[in-house]
């Protein structure tokens, strides 16, 4: 495995966008900063972030 060429780089960017864009919307709708979705590209951090998102109280829910 060498340095990826332009086609491989384009495929990696496409795959990253397929992962980041939906999570950006999810984080934004939950009341978090959408930029947190970029962390989904890091394998262990992404898994931990999903558990945090699933079990924490979302800021959009308010103080009720």
Protein backbone atom coordinates (compact mmCIF):
# COMPACT_ATOMS: atom_id res chain seq x y z
CA UNK A 1 0.00 0.00 0.00
CA UNK A 2 1.48 3.25 -1.12
CA UNK A 3 0.27 6.77 -1.22
CA UNK A 4 -3.33 6.86 -2.50
CA UNK A 5 -3.84 8.27 -5.95
CA UNK A 6 -6.44 10.84 -6.94
CA UNK A 7 -9.18 8.26 -7.48
CA UNK A 8 -8.62 6.60 -4.11
CA UNK A 9 -8.52 10.00 -2.41
CA UNK A 10 -11.83 10.98 -4.07
CA UNK A 11 -13.42 7.71 -2.92
CA UNK A 12 -12.20 8.30 0.65
CA UNK A 13 -13.65 11.83 0.64
CA UNK A 14 -16.95 10.53 -0.71
CA UNK A 15 -17.14 7.85 1.99
CA UNK A 16 -16.30 10.40 4.68
CA UNK A 17 -19.06 12.70 3.41
CA UNK A 18 -21.55 9.80 3.40
CA UNK A 19 -20.75 9.28 7.09
CA UNK A 20 -20.44 12.90 8.28
CA UNK A 21 -23.42 14.58 6.59
CA UNK A 22 -26.21 12.54 8.24
CA UNK A 23 -24.55 12.73 11.65
CA UNK A 24 -24.16 16.51 11.21
CA UNK A 25 -27.94 16.75 10.85
CA UNK A 26 -28.54 14.41 13.80
CA UNK A 27 -26.23 16.35 16.12
CA UNK A 28 -27.74 19.67 15.00
CA UNK A 29 -31.31 18.48 15.57
CA UNK A 30 -30.34 17.16 19.00
CA UNK A 31 -29.02 20.60 19.94
CA UNK A 32 -25.30 19.84 19.72
CA UNK A 33 -22.74 21.48 17.47
CA UNK A 34 -22.88 19.74 14.09
CA UNK A 35 -19.08 19.78 13.85
CA UNK A 36 -19.03 16.93 16.39
CA UNK A 37 -19.95 14.68 13.47
CA UNK A 38 -16.37 14.94 12.18
CA UNK A 39 -15.33 12.88 15.21
CA UNK A 40 -17.32 9.99 13.73
CA UNK A 41 -14.38 9.42 11.37
CA UNK A 42 -12.24 8.24 14.31
CA UNK A 43 -13.26 4.60 14.99
CA UNK A 44 -13.26 4.34 18.81
CA UNK A 45 -14.26 7.97 19.34
CA UNK A 46 -17.20 7.57 16.96
CA UNK A 47 -18.54 4.60 18.90
CA UNK A 48 -18.21 6.41 22.24
CA UNK A 49 -19.88 9.47 20.73
CA UNK A 50 -22.84 7.37 19.58
CA UNK A 51 -23.33 6.01 23.10
CA UNK A 52 -23.08 9.55 24.51
CA UNK A 53 -25.66 10.79 22.01
CA UNK A 54 -28.00 7.89 22.76
CA UNK A 55 -27.95 8.09 26.55
CA UNK A 56 -27.37 11.77 27.39
CA UNK A 57 -30.03 14.45 27.80
CA UNK A 58 -30.13 16.48 24.62
CA UNK A 59 -29.83 20.28 24.90
CA UNK A 60 -32.83 20.70 22.59
CA UNK A 61 -35.05 19.00 25.20
CA UNK A 62 -34.67 21.94 27.54
CA UNK A 63 -34.56 21.86 31.33
CA UNK A 64 -37.84 20.00 31.87
